[in-house]
Every structure is written in C-alpha cells, then in structure tokens.
C-alpha cells in the first residue's frame, strides 16, 4: 500500500515527548483531534498560550483518491502535525495535488 503525507503547521503547538512511545499534544496547552474518512480528513486544534486559546480548523472535503482510515497515523512535533495516510491504490496524487488539497466548502 502506498502512502501520502500531509504536514500541518500549527503555531505554538506544544508537544510532550515520551521516553518510549510517540509524542502527544501537551495536556492543558494543546489539543488536536484528527478524523480520517475514506475520501476526506478533518483536523481541529486548540492551542493555549498565556491564558489565550487559539483554535485551528483544517478540512479537506475531497481527497484526490481514497484512503484506508485504519492505515492512517498522526505524529506530532513542536508546532507540526504530520498526517500519514494509507492510499487504497498505487495511483499517484502528484498531478492532482499540484495546487494543494481540495478544500472546497462543505455542501
């Protein structure tokens, strides 16, 4: 199965690194919710700094092809969320993604 990676920059996203295991958003400072569907994805984040919370929303209504939500994963780094999606076929998305992902408004 081939994969595609999307990197989102979220200013001030704080992560908690673990000795064993993957980094996670730092409780009380950062929350991230990621939802994968076969043809779409949605990310909601809330970052609190100096008592002020900033919310971020990223939604792709139609991916260039189908993904398998069970083969998707999320990784966190300081100010970065990395989405790795398992595609259901090996067709390249390069041409379709030349101008970025389709973020058309919801129907």
C-alpha atoms as a PDB file:
ATOM      1  CA  UNK A   1       0.000   0.000   0.000  1.00  0.00           C
ATOM      2  CA  UNK A   2       1.355   3.416  -0.895  1.00  0.00           C
ATOM      3  CA  UNK A   3       1.158   6.388   1.429  1.00  0.00           C
ATOM      4  CA  UNK A   4       0.834  10.158   1.228  1.00  0.00           C
ATOM      5  CA  UNK A   5       1.967  12.598   3.907  1.00  0.00           C
ATOM      6  CA  UNK A   6       0.460  15.966   4.801  1.00  0.00           C
ATOM      7  CA  UNK A   7       2.281  18.326   7.160  1.00  0.00           C
ATOM      8  CA  UNK A   8       0.304  20.989   9.014  1.00  0.00           C
ATOM      9  CA  UNK A   9       1.994  23.861  10.807  1.00  0.00           C
ATOM     10  CA  UNK A  10       0.135  24.929  13.936  1.00  0.00           C
ATOM     11  CA  UNK A  11       1.817  27.889  15.660  1.00  0.00           C
ATOM     12  CA  UNK A  12       2.638  27.353  19.352  1.00  0.00           C
ATOM     13  CA  UNK A  13       1.546  23.684  19.316  1.00  0.00           C
ATOM     14  CA  UNK A  14       3.215  22.204  22.387  1.00  0.00           C
ATOM     15  CA  UNK A  15       4.064  18.512  22.439  1.00  0.00           C
ATOM     16  CA  UNK A  16       5.051  16.177  25.207  1.00  0.00           C
ATOM     17  CA  UNK A  17       7.908  13.873  24.257  1.00  0.00           C
ATOM     18  CA  UNK A  18       7.957  10.467  25.852  1.00  0.00           C
ATOM     19  CA  UNK A  19      10.978   8.309  26.523  1.00  0.00           C
ATOM     20  CA  UNK A  20       9.166   5.384  24.913  1.00  0.00           C
ATOM     21  CA  UNK A  21       6.329   5.999  22.509  1.00  0.00           C
ATOM     22  CA  UNK A  22       5.225   8.825  20.301  1.00  0.00           C
ATOM     23  CA  UNK A  23       4.988  12.489  21.231  1.00  0.00           C
ATOM     24  CA  UNK A  24       1.495  13.779  22.027  1.00  0.00           C
ATOM     25  CA  UNK A  25      -0.055  17.240  22.371  1.00  0.00           C
ATOM     26  CA  UNK A  26       0.806  18.650  25.800  1.00  0.00           C
ATOM     27  CA  UNK A  27      -2.261  18.396  28.081  1.00  0.00           C
ATOM     28  CA  UNK A  28      -3.642  21.774  29.144  1.00  0.00           C
ATOM     29  CA  UNK A  29      -1.736  23.576  26.376  1.00  0.00           C
ATOM     30  CA  UNK A  30      -2.597  21.826  23.131  1.00  0.00           C
ATOM     31  CA  UNK A  31      -5.445  19.642  21.878  1.00  0.00           C
ATOM     32  CA  UNK A  32      -5.630  18.062  18.436  1.00  0.00           C
ATOM     33  CA  UNK A  33      -8.472  15.987  17.012  1.00  0.00           C
ATOM     34  CA  UNK A  34      -7.934  14.245  13.658  1.00  0.00           C
ATOM     35  CA  UNK A  35     -10.681  12.444  11.724  1.00  0.00           C
ATOM     36  CA  UNK A  36      -9.892  10.380   8.648  1.00  0.00           C
ATOM     37  CA  UNK A  37     -12.635   9.247   6.255  1.00  0.00           C
ATOM     38  CA  UNK A  38     -12.160   7.286   3.023  1.00  0.00           C
ATOM     39  CA  UNK A  39     -12.255  10.460   0.895  1.00  0.00           C
ATOM     40  CA  UNK A  40     -11.752  13.298   3.379  1.00  0.00           C
ATOM     41  CA  UNK A  41      -9.979  14.425   6.519  1.00  0.00           C
ATOM     42  CA  UNK A  42     -10.557  16.990   9.240  1.00  0.00           C
ATOM     43  CA  UNK A  43      -8.229  18.429  11.883  1.00  0.00           C
ATOM     44  CA  UNK A  44      -9.311  20.600  14.799  1.00  0.00           C
ATOM     45  CA  UNK A  45      -6.715  22.048  17.159  1.00  0.00           C
ATOM     46  CA  UNK A  46      -6.784  24.341  20.165  1.00  0.00           C
ATOM     47  CA  UNK A  47      -3.589  25.915  21.464  1.00  0.00           C
ATOM     48  CA  UNK A  48      -3.474  27.802  24.764  1.00  0.00           C
ATOM     49  CA  UNK A  49      -0.621  30.212  25.427  1.00  0.00           C
ATOM     50  CA  UNK A  50      -0.544  32.813  28.204  1.00  0.00           C
ATOM     51  CA  UNK A  51      -4.190  32.111  29.002  1.00  0.00           C
ATOM     52  CA  UNK A  52      -5.382  32.750  25.437  1.00  0.00           C
ATOM     53  CA  UNK A  53      -6.748  29.885  23.332  1.00  0.00           C
ATOM     54  CA  UNK A  54      -6.417  29.935  19.554  1.00  0.00           C
ATOM     55  CA  UNK A  55      -8.433  27.425  17.518  1.00  0.00           C
ATOM     56  CA  UNK A  56      -7.410  25.990  14.157  1.00  0.00           C
ATOM     57  CA  UNK A  57      -9.565  24.073  11.688  1.00  0.00           C
ATOM     58  CA  UNK A  58      -8.361  22.267   8.568  1.00  0.00           C
ATOM     59  CA  UNK A  59     -10.789  20.283   6.445  1.00  0.00           C
ATOM     60  CA  UNK A  60     -10.345  18.548   3.122  1.00  0.00           C
ATOM     61  CA  UNK A  61     -13.761  17.649   1.736  1.00  0.00           C
ATOM     62  CA  UNK A  62     -12.421  15.573  -1.137  1.00  0.00           C
ATOM     63  CA  UNK A  63      -9.032  13.891  -1.282  1.00  0.00           C
ATOM     64  CA  UNK A  64      -7.575  13.140  -4.749  1.00  0.00           C
ATOM     65  CA  UNK A  65      -8.218   9.418  -4.114  1.00  0.00           C
ATOM     66  CA  UNK A  66      -9.419   7.048  -1.432  1.00  0.00           C
ATOM     67  CA  UNK A  67      -7.552   6.255   1.772  1.00  0.00           C
ATOM     68  CA  UNK A  68      -7.886   3.467   4.322  1.00  0.00           C
ATOM     69  CA  UNK A  69      -8.561   5.184   7.683  1.00  0.00           C
ATOM     70  CA  UNK A  70      -7.160   2.138   9.501  1.00  0.00           C
ATOM     71  CA  UNK A  71      -3.822   2.672   7.733  1.00  0.00           C
ATOM     72  CA  UNK A  72      -3.513   6.344   8.717  1.00  0.00           C
ATOM     73  CA  UNK A  73      -1.400   7.733  11.524  1.00  0.00           C
ATOM     74  CA  UNK A  74      -0.709  11.048  13.200  1.00  0.00           C
ATOM     75  CA  UNK A  75       2.662  12.229  14.515  1.00  0.00           C
ATOM     76  CA  UNK A  76       3.404  15.363  16.499  1.00  0.00           C
ATOM     77  CA  UNK A  77       6.440  17.622  16.638  1.00  0.00           C
ATOM     78  CA  UNK A  78       6.741  21.120  18.057  1.00  0.00           C
ATOM     79  CA  UNK A  79       4.300  23.266  16.026  1.00  0.00           C
ATOM     80  CA  UNK A  80       3.783  20.446  13.476  1.00  0.00           C
ATOM     81  CA  UNK A  81       1.178  17.736  12.903  1.00  0.00           C
ATOM     82  CA  UNK A  82       2.178  15.065  10.383  1.00  0.00           C
ATOM     83  CA  UNK A  83      -0.631  13.038   8.812  1.00  0.00           C
ATOM     84  CA  UNK A  84       0.396   9.839   7.017  1.00  0.00           C
ATOM     85  CA  UNK A  85      -2.441   8.315   5.029  1.00  0.00           C
ATOM     86  CA  UNK A  86      -2.516   4.838   3.523  1.00  0.00           C
ATOM     87  CA  UNK A  87      -3.919   5.037  -0.011  1.00  0.00           C
ATOM     88  CA  UNK A  88      -6.192   2.258  -1.271  1.00  0.00           C
ATOM     89  CA  UNK A  89      -4.401   2.149  -4.634  1.00  0.00           C
ATOM     90  CA  UNK A  90      -0.987   2.999  -6.029  1.00  0.00           C
ATOM     91  CA  UNK A  91      -2.128   5.789  -8.371  1.00  0.00           C
ATOM     92  CA  UNK A  92      -0.060   8.932  -7.891  1.00  0.00           C
ATOM     93  CA  UNK A  93      -1.708  12.060  -6.489  1.00  0.00           C
ATOM     94  CA  UNK A  94       1.151  14.318  -7.629  1.00  0.00           C
ATOM     95  CA  UNK A  95      -0.670  15.905 -10.575  1.00  0.00           C
ATOM     96  CA  UNK A  96      -3.924  16.303  -8.657  1.00  0.00           C
ATOM     97  CA  UNK A  97      -2.107  17.885  -5.700  1.00  0.00           C
ATOM     98  CA  UNK A  98      -0.036  20.357  -7.695  1.00  0.00           C
ATOM     99  CA  UNK A  99      -2.124  23.206  -6.268  1.00  0.00           C
ATOM    100  CA  UNK A 100      -2.655  21.613  -2.843  1.00  0.00           C
ATOM    101  CA  UNK A 101      -5.522  19.619  -1.425  1.00  0.00           C
ATOM    102  CA  UNK A 102      -9.116  20.441  -2.361  1.00  0.00           C
ATOM    103  CA  UNK A 103     -10.547  22.459   0.468  1.00  0.00           C
ATOM    104  CA  UNK A 104     -13.862  23.165  -1.218  1.00  0.00           C
ATOM    105  CA  UNK A 105     -16.648  24.388   1.073  1.00  0.00           C
ATOM    106  CA  UNK A 106     -18.996  21.801   2.546  1.00  0.00           C
ATOM    107  CA  UNK A 107     -22.088  21.005   0.528  1.00  0.00           C
END
